[in-house]
């Protein structure tokens, strides 16, 4: 969050971050389902690593000659968001793996999901599901609908871009894919 704030303040010295913590029990069930379907459909069934997704991302990156896919789970993303930089390197991935093992060892899946939903970026200076719900819909994340939750979940891969391009057809297509897969979400 601090690196994003510094970046925002380069353009606007008065820039601030929007962030409000929301306990797990108050986050819309639809939001929990949507983020799991969007980011880590096997969340409840792995130890922090989805080896099939990692292998798929590795093959895609190899074929393209650059890193375009990560295959990271919610637990891995949380490790990165809490403790590491955005740098893409093998050393950073190694550190992420160690932290992921630690998170999975000491926290429940429910706690991991709660923290993740409260710290991820959802737009320019917008962090956490409550700030996102307020920013995009003008109400609390407690009452996010299925359509609202899936649109927010679709934004997570590129939140600053989608904050500025809310009418993107690609974003709406991603939301439709998530809506179609929502029934398969397992929520802690």
N, C-alpha and C. Protein backbone atom coordinates (compact mmCIF):
# COMPACT_ATOMS: atom_id res chain seq x y z
N UNK A 1 0.82 -1.19 0.00
CA UNK A 1 0.00 0.00 0.00
C UNK A 1 0.87 1.26 0.00
N UNK A 2 1.96 1.21 0.75
CA UNK A 2 2.81 2.40 0.85
C UNK A 2 3.47 2.73 -0.49
N UNK A 3 3.89 1.73 -1.26
CA UNK A 3 4.50 2.02 -2.55
C UNK A 3 3.48 2.63 -3.51
N UNK A 4 2.24 2.18 -3.43
CA UNK A 4 1.18 2.76 -4.26
C UNK A 4 0.91 4.21 -3.84
N UNK A 5 0.92 4.48 -2.54
CA UNK A 5 0.71 5.84 -2.05
C UNK A 5 1.82 6.76 -2.55
N UNK A 6 3.07 6.30 -2.49
CA UNK A 6 4.19 7.10 -3.00
C UNK A 6 4.01 7.41 -4.48
N UNK A 7 3.60 6.40 -5.23
CA UNK A 7 3.37 6.58 -6.66
C UNK A 7 2.26 7.59 -6.93
N UNK A 8 1.17 7.48 -6.18
CA UNK A 8 0.06 8.43 -6.33
C UNK A 8 0.48 9.85 -5.97
N UNK A 9 1.32 9.98 -4.94
CA UNK A 9 1.74 11.31 -4.48
C UNK A 9 2.72 11.97 -5.43
N UNK A 10 3.35 11.21 -6.31
CA UNK A 10 4.20 11.82 -7.33
C UNK A 10 3.35 12.64 -8.29
N UNK A 11 2.12 12.18 -8.53
CA UNK A 11 1.20 12.89 -9.42
C UNK A 11 0.37 13.92 -8.66
N UNK A 12 0.03 13.58 -7.41
CA UNK A 12 -0.82 14.46 -6.58
C UNK A 12 -0.34 14.37 -5.14
N UNK A 13 0.38 15.40 -4.66
CA UNK A 13 0.93 15.36 -3.29
C UNK A 13 -0.12 15.17 -2.19
N UNK A 14 -1.37 15.46 -2.48
CA UNK A 14 -2.44 15.31 -1.48
C UNK A 14 -3.15 13.96 -1.57
N UNK A 15 -2.66 13.07 -2.43
CA UNK A 15 -3.32 11.77 -2.62
C UNK A 15 -3.36 10.97 -1.32
N UNK A 16 -4.42 10.22 -1.15
CA UNK A 16 -4.58 9.36 0.03
C UNK A 16 -5.01 7.97 -0.42
N UNK A 17 -4.91 7.04 0.50
CA UNK A 17 -5.39 5.69 0.25
C UNK A 17 -6.76 5.53 0.88
N UNK A 18 -7.60 4.73 0.24
CA UNK A 18 -8.89 4.38 0.82
C UNK A 18 -8.80 2.94 1.28
N UNK A 19 -9.03 2.72 2.58
CA UNK A 19 -8.95 1.39 3.14
C UNK A 19 -9.73 1.34 4.44
N UNK A 20 -10.61 0.36 4.56
CA UNK A 20 -11.35 0.11 5.79
C UNK A 20 -11.39 -1.40 5.99
N UNK A 21 -10.96 -1.86 7.15
CA UNK A 21 -10.97 -3.29 7.44
C UNK A 21 -12.40 -3.76 7.69
N UNK A 22 -12.73 -4.91 7.11
CA UNK A 22 -14.05 -5.50 7.32
C UNK A 22 -13.87 -6.94 7.78
N UNK A 23 -14.42 -7.31 8.93
CA UNK A 23 -14.28 -8.68 9.42
C UNK A 23 -14.89 -9.69 8.44
N UNK A 24 -14.35 -10.88 8.44
CA UNK A 24 -14.78 -11.95 7.53
C UNK A 24 -16.29 -12.13 7.52
N UNK A 25 -16.89 -12.17 8.69
CA UNK A 25 -18.33 -12.44 8.79
C UNK A 25 -19.18 -11.36 8.14
N UNK A 26 -18.60 -10.17 7.94
CA UNK A 26 -19.36 -9.07 7.34
C UNK A 26 -19.15 -8.95 5.83
N UNK A 27 -18.22 -9.69 5.29
CA UNK A 27 -17.98 -9.64 3.85
C UNK A 27 -19.04 -10.49 3.15
N UNK A 28 -19.66 -9.95 2.14
CA UNK A 28 -20.69 -10.64 1.38
C UNK A 28 -20.24 -12.04 0.96
N UNK A 29 -21.12 -13.01 1.18
CA UNK A 29 -20.85 -14.39 0.74
C UNK A 29 -20.58 -14.42 -0.77
N UNK A 30 -21.29 -13.59 -1.52
CA UNK A 30 -21.09 -13.53 -2.97
C UNK A 30 -19.68 -13.06 -3.31
N UNK A 31 -19.13 -12.14 -2.52
CA UNK A 31 -17.77 -11.66 -2.76
C UNK A 31 -16.77 -12.77 -2.50
N UNK A 32 -16.97 -13.51 -1.43
CA UNK A 32 -16.06 -14.61 -1.10
C UNK A 32 -16.07 -15.64 -2.23
N UNK A 33 -17.25 -15.98 -2.70
CA UNK A 33 -17.36 -16.94 -3.81
C UNK A 33 -16.68 -16.41 -5.06
N UNK A 34 -16.95 -15.16 -5.39
CA UNK A 34 -16.42 -14.57 -6.62
C UNK A 34 -14.90 -14.52 -6.63
N UNK A 35 -14.30 -14.13 -5.51
CA UNK A 35 -12.84 -14.01 -5.49
C UNK A 35 -12.18 -15.38 -5.54
N UNK A 36 -12.80 -16.38 -4.93
CA UNK A 36 -12.24 -17.74 -5.00
C UNK A 36 -12.31 -18.26 -6.43
N UNK A 37 -13.43 -18.07 -7.10
CA UNK A 37 -13.57 -18.52 -8.49
C UNK A 37 -12.59 -17.78 -9.39
N UNK A 38 -12.41 -16.49 -9.15
CA UNK A 38 -11.52 -15.69 -10.00
C UNK A 38 -10.05 -15.97 -9.77
N UNK A 39 -9.66 -16.16 -8.52
CA UNK A 39 -8.24 -16.19 -8.19
C UNK A 39 -7.68 -17.55 -7.80
N UNK A 40 -8.52 -18.46 -7.29
CA UNK A 40 -7.97 -19.70 -6.74
C UNK A 40 -9.08 -20.72 -6.49
N UNK A 41 -9.57 -21.33 -7.56
CA UNK A 41 -10.72 -22.23 -7.44
C UNK A 41 -10.46 -23.44 -6.55
N UNK A 42 -9.20 -23.77 -6.33
CA UNK A 42 -8.86 -24.93 -5.48
C UNK A 42 -8.43 -24.50 -4.07
N UNK A 43 -8.77 -23.28 -3.69
CA UNK A 43 -8.32 -22.67 -2.44
C UNK A 43 -8.46 -23.59 -1.22
N UNK A 44 -9.59 -24.23 -1.06
CA UNK A 44 -9.80 -25.08 0.12
C UNK A 44 -9.10 -26.43 0.02
N UNK A 45 -8.58 -26.76 -1.15
CA UNK A 45 -8.07 -28.11 -1.37
C UNK A 45 -6.57 -28.20 -1.60
N UNK A 46 -5.83 -27.15 -1.30
CA UNK A 46 -4.38 -27.21 -1.46
C UNK A 46 -3.68 -26.67 -0.21
N UNK A 47 -2.39 -26.86 -0.17
CA UNK A 47 -1.58 -26.43 0.98
C UNK A 47 -0.90 -25.08 0.74
N UNK A 48 -1.47 -24.30 -0.15
CA UNK A 48 -0.88 -23.00 -0.47
C UNK A 48 -0.36 -22.93 -1.89
N UNK A 49 -0.25 -24.07 -2.55
CA UNK A 49 0.28 -24.13 -3.91
C UNK A 49 -0.63 -24.98 -4.78
N UNK A 50 -0.95 -24.48 -5.96
CA UNK A 50 -1.72 -25.22 -6.95
C UNK A 50 -0.73 -25.64 -8.03
N UNK A 51 -0.19 -26.83 -7.89
CA UNK A 51 0.90 -27.28 -8.75
C UNK A 51 0.50 -27.34 -10.22
N UNK A 52 -0.74 -27.69 -10.52
CA UNK A 52 -1.20 -27.72 -11.91
C UNK A 52 -1.19 -26.31 -12.51
N UNK A 53 -1.63 -25.32 -11.74
CA UNK A 53 -1.63 -23.93 -12.23
C UNK A 53 -0.21 -23.41 -12.39
N UNK A 54 0.67 -23.78 -11.48
CA UNK A 54 2.07 -23.36 -11.58
C UNK A 54 2.71 -23.95 -12.84
N UNK A 55 2.45 -25.23 -13.10
CA UNK A 55 2.99 -25.88 -14.29
C UNK A 55 2.44 -25.24 -15.56
N UNK A 56 1.15 -24.95 -15.57
CA UNK A 56 0.53 -24.31 -16.73
C UNK A 56 1.13 -22.92 -16.97
N UNK A 57 1.32 -22.15 -15.91
CA UNK A 57 1.92 -20.82 -16.03
C UNK A 57 3.35 -20.91 -16.53
N UNK A 58 4.10 -21.90 -16.03
CA UNK A 58 5.49 -22.09 -16.46
C UNK A 58 5.54 -22.36 -17.97
N UNK A 59 4.67 -23.25 -18.45
CA UNK A 59 4.64 -23.58 -19.88
C UNK A 59 4.26 -22.36 -20.72
N UNK A 60 3.29 -21.60 -20.25
CA UNK A 60 2.86 -20.40 -20.97
C UNK A 60 3.99 -19.38 -21.02
N UNK A 61 4.68 -19.17 -19.90
CA UNK A 61 5.79 -18.22 -19.85
C UNK A 61 6.94 -18.66 -20.74
N UNK A 62 7.21 -19.95 -20.74
CA UNK A 62 8.28 -20.50 -21.57
C UNK A 62 7.96 -20.30 -23.05
N UNK A 63 6.73 -20.56 -23.44
CA UNK A 63 6.31 -20.41 -24.83
C UNK A 63 6.37 -18.96 -25.28
N UNK A 64 6.07 -18.04 -24.38
CA UNK A 64 6.06 -16.62 -24.74
C UNK A 64 7.41 -15.94 -24.52
N UNK A 65 8.33 -16.63 -23.85
CA UNK A 65 9.65 -16.07 -23.64
C UNK A 65 9.72 -14.98 -22.59
N UNK A 66 8.66 -14.81 -21.83
CA UNK A 66 8.64 -13.82 -20.75
C UNK A 66 7.58 -14.23 -19.74
N UNK A 67 7.63 -13.58 -18.57
CA UNK A 67 6.68 -13.91 -17.52
C UNK A 67 5.38 -13.15 -17.76
N UNK A 68 4.34 -13.89 -18.13
CA UNK A 68 3.02 -13.29 -18.35
C UNK A 68 1.97 -13.92 -17.44
N UNK A 69 2.27 -15.09 -16.90
CA UNK A 69 1.32 -15.78 -16.02
C UNK A 69 2.07 -16.24 -14.77
N UNK A 70 1.35 -16.24 -13.63
CA UNK A 70 2.01 -16.59 -12.38
C UNK A 70 1.54 -17.88 -11.75
N UNK A 71 0.30 -18.23 -11.93
CA UNK A 71 -0.24 -19.44 -11.32
C UNK A 71 -0.31 -19.38 -9.81
N UNK A 72 -0.29 -18.18 -9.25
CA UNK A 72 -0.27 -18.03 -7.80
C UNK A 72 -1.63 -18.24 -7.17
N UNK A 73 -1.62 -18.85 -6.00
CA UNK A 73 -2.83 -19.04 -5.21
C UNK A 73 -3.11 -17.79 -4.38
N UNK A 74 -4.27 -17.77 -3.74
CA UNK A 74 -4.60 -16.67 -2.84
C UNK A 74 -3.55 -16.57 -1.74
N UNK A 75 -3.11 -17.69 -1.21
CA UNK A 75 -2.10 -17.69 -0.14
C UNK A 75 -0.78 -17.10 -0.64
N UNK A 76 -0.37 -17.45 -1.84
CA UNK A 76 0.86 -16.90 -2.41
C UNK A 76 0.72 -15.40 -2.66
N UNK A 77 -0.42 -14.98 -3.17
CA UNK A 77 -0.64 -13.56 -3.41
C UNK A 77 -0.64 -12.78 -2.10
N UNK A 78 -1.22 -13.37 -1.06
CA UNK A 78 -1.21 -12.71 0.24
C UNK A 78 0.22 -12.55 0.76
N UNK A 79 1.03 -13.59 0.62
CA UNK A 79 2.44 -13.51 1.04
C UNK A 79 3.13 -12.36 0.32
N UNK A 80 2.92 -12.26 -0.98
CA UNK A 80 3.53 -11.19 -1.77
C UNK A 80 3.01 -9.82 -1.33
N UNK A 81 1.70 -9.70 -1.20
CA UNK A 81 1.10 -8.40 -0.86
C UNK A 81 1.50 -7.91 0.53
N UNK A 82 1.66 -8.82 1.47
CA UNK A 82 2.00 -8.41 2.83
C UNK A 82 3.49 -8.14 3.03
N UNK A 83 4.34 -8.93 2.37
CA UNK A 83 5.76 -8.91 2.74
C UNK A 83 6.76 -8.65 1.62
N UNK A 84 6.34 -8.69 0.36
CA UNK A 84 7.31 -8.64 -0.72
C UNK A 84 7.00 -7.54 -1.73
N UNK A 85 7.96 -7.31 -2.61
CA UNK A 85 7.79 -6.30 -3.66
C UNK A 85 7.09 -6.91 -4.87
N UNK A 86 6.83 -6.08 -5.85
CA UNK A 86 6.21 -6.54 -7.10
C UNK A 86 7.25 -7.13 -8.05
N UNK A 87 8.51 -7.07 -7.69
CA UNK A 87 9.60 -7.57 -8.52
C UNK A 87 9.33 -9.00 -8.97
N UNK A 88 9.62 -9.29 -10.24
CA UNK A 88 9.45 -10.64 -10.76
C UNK A 88 10.83 -11.27 -10.89
N UNK A 89 11.15 -12.15 -9.94
CA UNK A 89 12.44 -12.84 -9.97
C UNK A 89 12.30 -14.19 -9.28
N UNK A 90 13.25 -15.05 -9.54
CA UNK A 90 13.24 -16.36 -8.88
C UNK A 90 13.44 -16.22 -7.38
N UNK A 91 14.28 -15.27 -6.96
CA UNK A 91 14.52 -15.06 -5.54
C UNK A 91 13.24 -14.63 -4.83
N UNK A 92 12.51 -13.70 -5.45
CA UNK A 92 11.25 -13.25 -4.85
C UNK A 92 10.24 -14.40 -4.80
N UNK A 93 10.18 -15.25 -5.82
CA UNK A 93 9.28 -16.40 -5.81
C UNK A 93 9.67 -17.39 -4.71
N UNK A 94 10.96 -17.55 -4.47
CA UNK A 94 11.42 -18.43 -3.40
C UNK A 94 10.97 -17.88 -2.05
N UNK A 95 11.17 -16.58 -1.84
CA UNK A 95 10.72 -15.95 -0.59
C UNK A 95 9.21 -16.10 -0.42
N UNK A 96 8.49 -15.89 -1.49
CA UNK A 96 7.03 -16.03 -1.48
C UNK A 96 6.63 -17.45 -1.07
N UNK A 97 7.33 -18.44 -1.58
CA UNK A 97 7.02 -19.84 -1.24
C UNK A 97 7.22 -20.10 0.25
N UNK A 98 8.31 -19.61 0.80
CA UNK A 98 8.58 -19.80 2.23
C UNK A 98 7.49 -19.14 3.07
N UNK A 99 7.15 -17.91 2.74
CA UNK A 99 6.12 -17.19 3.49
C UNK A 99 4.77 -17.87 3.34
N UNK A 100 4.48 -18.38 2.14
CA UNK A 100 3.22 -19.08 1.91
C UNK A 100 3.10 -20.30 2.81
N UNK A 101 4.16 -21.07 2.92
CA UNK A 101 4.15 -22.24 3.81
C UNK A 101 3.87 -21.80 5.24
N UNK A 102 4.50 -20.72 5.66
CA UNK A 102 4.29 -20.21 7.02
C UNK A 102 2.83 -19.78 7.23
N UNK A 103 2.28 -19.03 6.27
CA UNK A 103 0.89 -18.58 6.39
C UNK A 103 -0.06 -19.76 6.47
N UNK A 104 0.14 -20.74 5.61
CA UNK A 104 -0.74 -21.92 5.58
C UNK A 104 -0.60 -22.75 6.86
N UNK A 105 0.55 -22.67 7.50
CA UNK A 105 0.78 -23.43 8.73
C UNK A 105 0.11 -22.78 9.94
N UNK A 106 0.15 -21.46 9.99
CA UNK A 106 -0.33 -20.78 11.20
C UNK A 106 -1.73 -20.19 11.09
N UNK A 107 -2.28 -20.13 9.88
CA UNK A 107 -3.60 -19.50 9.69
C UNK A 107 -4.60 -20.47 9.08
N UNK A 108 -5.86 -20.26 9.41
CA UNK A 108 -6.93 -21.01 8.77
C UNK A 108 -7.18 -20.42 7.38
N UNK A 109 -7.85 -21.17 6.53
CA UNK A 109 -8.21 -20.67 5.20
C UNK A 109 -9.12 -19.44 5.34
N UNK A 110 -9.98 -19.47 6.32
CA UNK A 110 -10.89 -18.34 6.54
C UNK A 110 -10.10 -17.07 6.85
N UNK A 111 -9.09 -17.19 7.70
CA UNK A 111 -8.27 -16.03 8.07
C UNK A 111 -7.45 -15.54 6.87
N UNK A 112 -6.89 -16.46 6.10
CA UNK A 112 -6.14 -16.08 4.91
C UNK A 112 -7.04 -15.31 3.95
N UNK A 113 -8.25 -15.81 3.73
CA UNK A 113 -9.17 -15.13 2.82
C UNK A 113 -9.59 -13.77 3.37
N UNK A 114 -9.82 -13.69 4.66
CA UNK A 114 -10.19 -12.41 5.28
C UNK A 114 -9.10 -11.36 5.06
N UNK A 115 -7.87 -11.71 5.35
CA UNK A 115 -6.78 -10.75 5.19
C UNK A 115 -6.61 -10.38 3.72
N UNK A 116 -6.64 -11.38 2.85
CA UNK A 116 -6.49 -11.15 1.41
C UNK A 116 -7.53 -10.14 0.91
N UNK A 117 -8.79 -10.37 1.25
CA UNK A 117 -9.86 -9.48 0.80
C UNK A 117 -9.72 -8.07 1.37
N UNK A 118 -9.02 -7.93 2.47
CA UNK A 118 -8.85 -6.63 3.10
C UNK A 118 -7.59 -5.89 2.68
N UNK A 119 -6.68 -6.53 1.97
CA UNK A 119 -5.44 -5.84 1.60
C UNK A 119 -5.21 -5.71 0.10
N UNK A 120 -5.91 -6.47 -0.72
CA UNK A 120 -5.62 -6.38 -2.15
C UNK A 120 -6.09 -5.04 -2.73
N UNK A 121 -5.43 -4.67 -3.81
CA UNK A 121 -5.73 -3.41 -4.47
C UNK A 121 -6.89 -3.58 -5.44
N UNK A 122 -7.78 -2.57 -5.46
CA UNK A 122 -8.93 -2.61 -6.34
C UNK A 122 -9.04 -1.35 -7.19
N UNK A 123 -7.99 -0.58 -7.26
CA UNK A 123 -8.02 0.64 -8.05
C UNK A 123 -6.99 1.61 -7.54
N UNK A 124 -6.96 2.78 -8.13
CA UNK A 124 -5.99 3.80 -7.75
C UNK A 124 -6.21 4.25 -6.31
N UNK A 125 -5.38 3.75 -5.40
CA UNK A 125 -5.49 4.11 -3.99
C UNK A 125 -6.61 3.41 -3.25
N UNK A 126 -7.21 2.40 -3.86
CA UNK A 126 -8.34 1.67 -3.26
C UNK A 126 -7.85 0.29 -2.83
N UNK A 127 -7.84 0.06 -1.51
CA UNK A 127 -7.36 -1.21 -0.98
C UNK A 127 -8.42 -1.85 -0.09
N UNK A 128 -8.65 -3.12 -0.31
CA UNK A 128 -9.60 -3.87 0.50
C UNK A 128 -11.01 -3.81 -0.06
N UNK A 129 -11.76 -4.86 0.26
CA UNK A 129 -13.10 -5.03 -0.29
C UNK A 129 -14.07 -3.94 0.15
N UNK A 130 -13.96 -3.46 1.38
CA UNK A 130 -14.88 -2.42 1.84
C UNK A 130 -14.65 -1.12 1.08
N UNK A 131 -13.40 -0.72 0.93
CA UNK A 131 -13.10 0.49 0.17
C UNK A 131 -13.54 0.34 -1.29
N UNK A 132 -13.36 -0.86 -1.85
CA UNK A 132 -13.78 -1.11 -3.24
C UNK A 132 -15.29 -1.00 -3.39
N UNK A 133 -16.03 -1.60 -2.48
CA UNK A 133 -17.49 -1.53 -2.54
C UNK A 133 -17.96 -0.08 -2.43
N UNK A 134 -17.36 0.66 -1.52
CA UNK A 134 -17.72 2.07 -1.36
C UNK A 134 -17.35 2.88 -2.61
N UNK A 135 -16.16 2.63 -3.14
CA UNK A 135 -15.65 3.38 -4.30
C UNK A 135 -16.50 3.13 -5.55
N UNK A 136 -16.80 1.88 -5.83
CA UNK A 136 -17.49 1.54 -7.08
C UNK A 136 -19.02 1.53 -6.97
N UNK A 137 -19.55 1.23 -5.78
CA UNK A 137 -21.00 1.06 -5.66
C UNK A 137 -21.66 1.95 -4.61
N UNK A 138 -20.87 2.63 -3.79
CA UNK A 138 -21.43 3.55 -2.81
C UNK A 138 -22.10 2.88 -1.62
N UNK A 139 -21.77 1.61 -1.38
CA UNK A 139 -22.31 0.92 -0.20
C UNK A 139 -21.30 -0.09 0.32
N UNK A 140 -21.60 -0.66 1.47
CA UNK A 140 -20.69 -1.58 2.13
C UNK A 140 -20.55 -2.92 1.40
N UNK A 141 -19.42 -3.56 1.60
CA UNK A 141 -19.18 -4.89 1.05
C UNK A 141 -20.09 -5.94 1.68
N UNK A 142 -20.74 -5.58 2.77
CA UNK A 142 -21.69 -6.48 3.42
C UNK A 142 -22.80 -6.85 2.44
N UNK A 143 -23.19 -5.90 1.61
CA UNK A 143 -24.36 -6.11 0.76
C UNK A 143 -24.04 -6.21 -0.73
N UNK A 144 -22.81 -6.59 -1.07
CA UNK A 144 -22.48 -6.75 -2.49
C UNK A 144 -23.32 -7.86 -3.11
N UNK A 145 -23.89 -7.58 -4.27
CA UNK A 145 -24.67 -8.59 -4.99
C UNK A 145 -23.73 -9.49 -5.78
N UNK A 146 -24.30 -10.52 -6.36
CA UNK A 146 -23.53 -11.45 -7.18
C UNK A 146 -22.87 -10.73 -8.36
N UNK A 147 -23.62 -9.88 -9.05
CA UNK A 147 -23.08 -9.15 -10.20
C UNK A 147 -21.99 -8.16 -9.78
N UNK A 148 -22.21 -7.47 -8.68
CA UNK A 148 -21.21 -6.53 -8.19
C UNK A 148 -19.94 -7.26 -7.76
N UNK A 149 -20.10 -8.34 -7.03
CA UNK A 149 -18.95 -9.10 -6.53
C UNK A 149 -18.13 -9.69 -7.66
N UNK A 150 -18.79 -10.24 -8.68
CA UNK A 150 -18.04 -10.83 -9.78
C UNK A 150 -17.32 -9.76 -10.61
N UNK A 151 -17.91 -8.58 -10.71
CA UNK A 151 -17.21 -7.51 -11.43
C UNK A 151 -15.97 -7.07 -10.65
N UNK A 152 -16.10 -6.93 -9.34
CA UNK A 152 -14.93 -6.59 -8.52
C UNK A 152 -13.86 -7.68 -8.62
N UNK A 153 -14.27 -8.93 -8.56
CA UNK A 153 -13.31 -10.04 -8.66
C UNK A 153 -12.61 -10.04 -10.02
N UNK A 154 -13.33 -9.68 -11.06
CA UNK A 154 -12.74 -9.63 -12.40
C UNK A 154 -11.70 -8.53 -12.52
N UNK A 155 -11.79 -7.51 -11.68
CA UNK A 155 -10.87 -6.37 -11.73
C UNK A 155 -9.51 -6.65 -11.09
N UNK A 156 -9.43 -7.65 -10.25
CA UNK A 156 -8.26 -7.86 -9.40
C UNK A 156 -6.96 -8.06 -10.18
N UNK A 157 -7.03 -8.63 -11.37
CA UNK A 157 -5.80 -8.87 -12.14
C UNK A 157 -5.13 -7.59 -12.63
N UNK A 158 -5.91 -6.52 -12.78
CA UNK A 158 -5.35 -5.25 -13.26
C UNK A 158 -6.19 -4.09 -12.73
N UNK A 159 -6.18 -3.90 -11.42
CA UNK A 159 -7.13 -2.98 -10.79
C UNK A 159 -7.01 -1.51 -11.20
N UNK A 160 -5.81 -1.02 -11.39
CA UNK A 160 -5.66 0.39 -11.77
C UNK A 160 -6.18 0.64 -13.19
N UNK A 161 -5.91 -0.31 -14.07
CA UNK A 161 -6.41 -0.19 -15.45
C UNK A 161 -7.94 -0.19 -15.45
N UNK A 162 -8.54 -1.15 -14.73
CA UNK A 162 -10.00 -1.24 -14.73
C UNK A 162 -10.66 -0.11 -13.96
N UNK A 163 -9.96 0.48 -13.01
CA UNK A 163 -10.50 1.65 -12.32
C UNK A 163 -10.70 2.79 -13.33
N UNK A 164 -9.76 2.91 -14.25
CA UNK A 164 -9.84 3.95 -15.28
C UNK A 164 -10.65 3.53 -16.50
N UNK A 165 -10.93 2.23 -16.63
CA UNK A 165 -11.63 1.69 -17.81
C UNK A 165 -12.77 0.78 -17.37
N UNK A 166 -13.68 1.33 -16.61
CA UNK A 166 -14.76 0.54 -16.02
C UNK A 166 -15.74 -0.01 -17.04
N UNK A 167 -15.75 0.55 -18.24
CA UNK A 167 -16.67 0.08 -19.27
C UNK A 167 -16.00 -0.90 -20.24
N UNK A 168 -14.85 -1.41 -19.87
CA UNK A 168 -14.11 -2.34 -20.73
C UNK A 168 -14.93 -3.59 -21.04
N UNK A 169 -15.04 -3.90 -22.31
CA UNK A 169 -15.76 -5.12 -22.71
C UNK A 169 -15.06 -6.37 -22.18
N UNK A 170 -13.74 -6.31 -22.13
CA UNK A 170 -12.98 -7.45 -21.59
C UNK A 170 -13.36 -7.70 -20.13
N UNK A 171 -13.53 -6.64 -19.37
CA UNK A 171 -13.93 -6.77 -17.97
C UNK A 171 -15.30 -7.43 -17.85
N UNK A 172 -16.24 -7.02 -18.68
CA UNK A 172 -17.58 -7.60 -18.61
C UNK A 172 -17.59 -9.06 -19.07
N UNK A 173 -16.73 -9.40 -20.02
CA UNK A 173 -16.60 -10.80 -20.45
C UNK A 173 -16.03 -11.64 -19.31
N UNK A 174 -15.03 -11.11 -18.62
CA UNK A 174 -14.46 -11.82 -17.47
C UNK A 174 -15.51 -12.04 -16.39
N UNK A 175 -16.33 -11.00 -16.14
CA UNK A 175 -17.38 -11.14 -15.14
C UNK A 175 -18.35 -12.25 -15.54
N UNK A 176 -18.70 -12.33 -16.81
CA UNK A 176 -19.64 -13.37 -17.25
C UNK A 176 -19.05 -14.76 -17.05
N UNK A 177 -17.77 -14.92 -17.32
CA UNK A 177 -17.11 -16.20 -17.08
C UNK A 177 -17.19 -16.56 -15.60
N UNK A 178 -16.94 -15.58 -14.74
CA UNK A 178 -17.01 -15.83 -13.29
C UNK A 178 -18.43 -16.17 -12.86
N UNK A 179 -19.41 -15.46 -13.38
CA UNK A 179 -20.81 -15.77 -13.05
C UNK A 179 -21.15 -17.21 -13.43
N UNK A 180 -20.65 -17.65 -14.58
CA UNK A 180 -20.92 -19.02 -15.04
C UNK A 180 -20.24 -20.07 -14.17
N UNK A 181 -19.16 -19.71 -13.51
CA UNK A 181 -18.40 -20.66 -12.69
C UNK A 181 -18.70 -20.54 -11.20
N UNK A 182 -19.49 -19.56 -10.82
CA UNK A 182 -19.72 -19.24 -9.41
C UNK A 182 -20.26 -20.42 -8.60
N UNK A 183 -21.07 -21.25 -9.22
CA UNK A 183 -21.66 -22.39 -8.51
C UNK A 183 -20.61 -23.37 -7.98
N UNK A 184 -19.42 -23.34 -8.56
CA UNK A 184 -18.38 -24.30 -8.17
C UNK A 184 -17.52 -23.82 -7.00
N UNK A 185 -17.75 -22.61 -6.51
CA UNK A 185 -16.90 -22.05 -5.45
C UNK A 185 -17.16 -22.72 -4.11
N UNK A 186 -16.08 -23.11 -3.46
CA UNK A 186 -16.13 -23.63 -2.09
C UNK A 186 -15.56 -22.56 -1.16
N UNK A 187 -16.37 -22.10 -0.22
CA UNK A 187 -16.00 -20.99 0.66
C UNK A 187 -15.78 -21.50 2.08
N UNK A 188 -14.67 -21.07 2.72
CA UNK A 188 -14.46 -21.51 4.12
C UNK A 188 -15.45 -20.85 5.08
